Amino acid sequence: MKCVCCMLAVSILLAGAAGCSYESRKTAVHEPGVYKGAKDELLTRQQEKQRQELVNRFKLVQADR
């Protein structure tokens, strides 16, 4: 019984120590619809390539009219 109480006390102390950290608890305020991270170069190049393909397809279709 004494061992069980010691284990329970140790687990409570460890759980309490795990809850204490030195990280700040500040919340970040975000604006809806605004991404403030770094630009993804691969995605930007892919979007530009898709845009150019759409323009080329549009020109092909509209050239005969």
Protein backbone atom coordinates (compact mmCIF):
# COMPACT_ATOMS: atom_id res chain seq x y z
CA MET A 1 0.00 0.00 0.00
CA LYS A 2 2.87 2.33 0.79
CA CYS A 3 4.38 1.73 -2.66
CA VAL A 4 1.06 2.56 -4.34
CA CYS A 5 0.81 5.85 -2.46
CA CYS A 6 4.39 6.76 -3.38
CA MET A 7 3.75 5.97 -7.04
CA LEU A 8 0.56 8.04 -6.96
CA ALA A 9 2.39 10.98 -5.37
CA VAL A 10 5.23 10.78 -7.88
CA SER A 11 2.81 10.64 -10.81
CA ILE A 12 0.92 13.67 -9.50
CA LEU A 13 4.18 15.61 -9.10
CA LEU A 14 5.32 14.66 -12.59
CA ALA A 15 1.97 15.67 -14.10
CA GLY A 16 2.18 19.00 -12.28
CA ALA A 17 5.73 19.60 -13.46
CA ALA A 18 4.77 18.75 -17.06
CA GLY A 19 2.06 21.42 -16.95
CA CYS A 20 4.58 24.11 -16.05
CA SER A 21 6.60 25.34 -18.98
CA TYR A 22 8.59 28.42 -19.87
CA GLU A 23 6.84 28.97 -23.18
CA SER A 24 4.78 32.11 -23.48
CA ARG A 25 1.02 31.74 -23.36
CA LYS A 26 0.31 34.64 -25.71
CA THR A 27 -2.37 34.08 -28.30
CA ALA A 28 -1.78 35.05 -31.91
CA VAL A 29 -4.36 37.29 -33.51
CA HIS A 30 -4.96 36.44 -37.15
CA GLU A 31 -6.85 38.29 -39.82
CA PRO A 32 -9.36 36.13 -41.68
CA GLY A 33 -8.33 35.35 -45.24
CA VAL A 34 -4.80 36.78 -44.85
CA TYR A 35 -1.81 34.42 -44.90
CA LYS A 36 1.19 35.97 -43.20
CA GLY A 37 3.66 33.15 -43.74
CA ALA A 38 6.50 32.94 -46.22
CA LYS A 39 5.67 32.59 -49.90
CA ASP A 40 6.04 29.11 -51.35
CA GLU A 41 8.24 29.49 -54.43
CA LEU A 42 7.24 26.14 -55.91
CA LEU A 43 3.56 26.98 -55.60
CA THR A 44 4.08 30.45 -57.07
CA ARG A 45 5.92 29.02 -60.11
CA GLN A 46 3.22 26.38 -60.57
CA GLN A 47 0.47 28.99 -60.42
CA GLU A 48 2.26 31.14 -62.99
CA LYS A 49 2.67 28.12 -65.28
CA GLN A 50 -1.05 27.28 -64.96
CA ARG A 51 -2.00 30.89 -65.66
CA GLN A 52 0.15 30.94 -68.80
CA GLU A 53 -1.37 27.64 -70.00
CA LEU A 54 -4.87 29.07 -69.53
CA VAL A 55 -3.96 32.21 -71.47
CA ASN A 56 -2.54 30.09 -74.29
CA ARG A 57 -5.66 27.91 -74.41
CA PHE A 58 -7.87 30.98 -74.43
CA LYS A 59 -5.92 32.46 -77.34
CA LEU A 60 -6.24 29.22 -79.30
CA VAL A 61 -10.01 29.13 -78.86
CA GLN A 62 -10.58 32.83 -79.48
CA ALA A 63 -8.28 33.04 -82.53
CA ASP A 64 -10.80 31.38 -84.84
CA ARG A 65 -13.65 33.74 -83.95
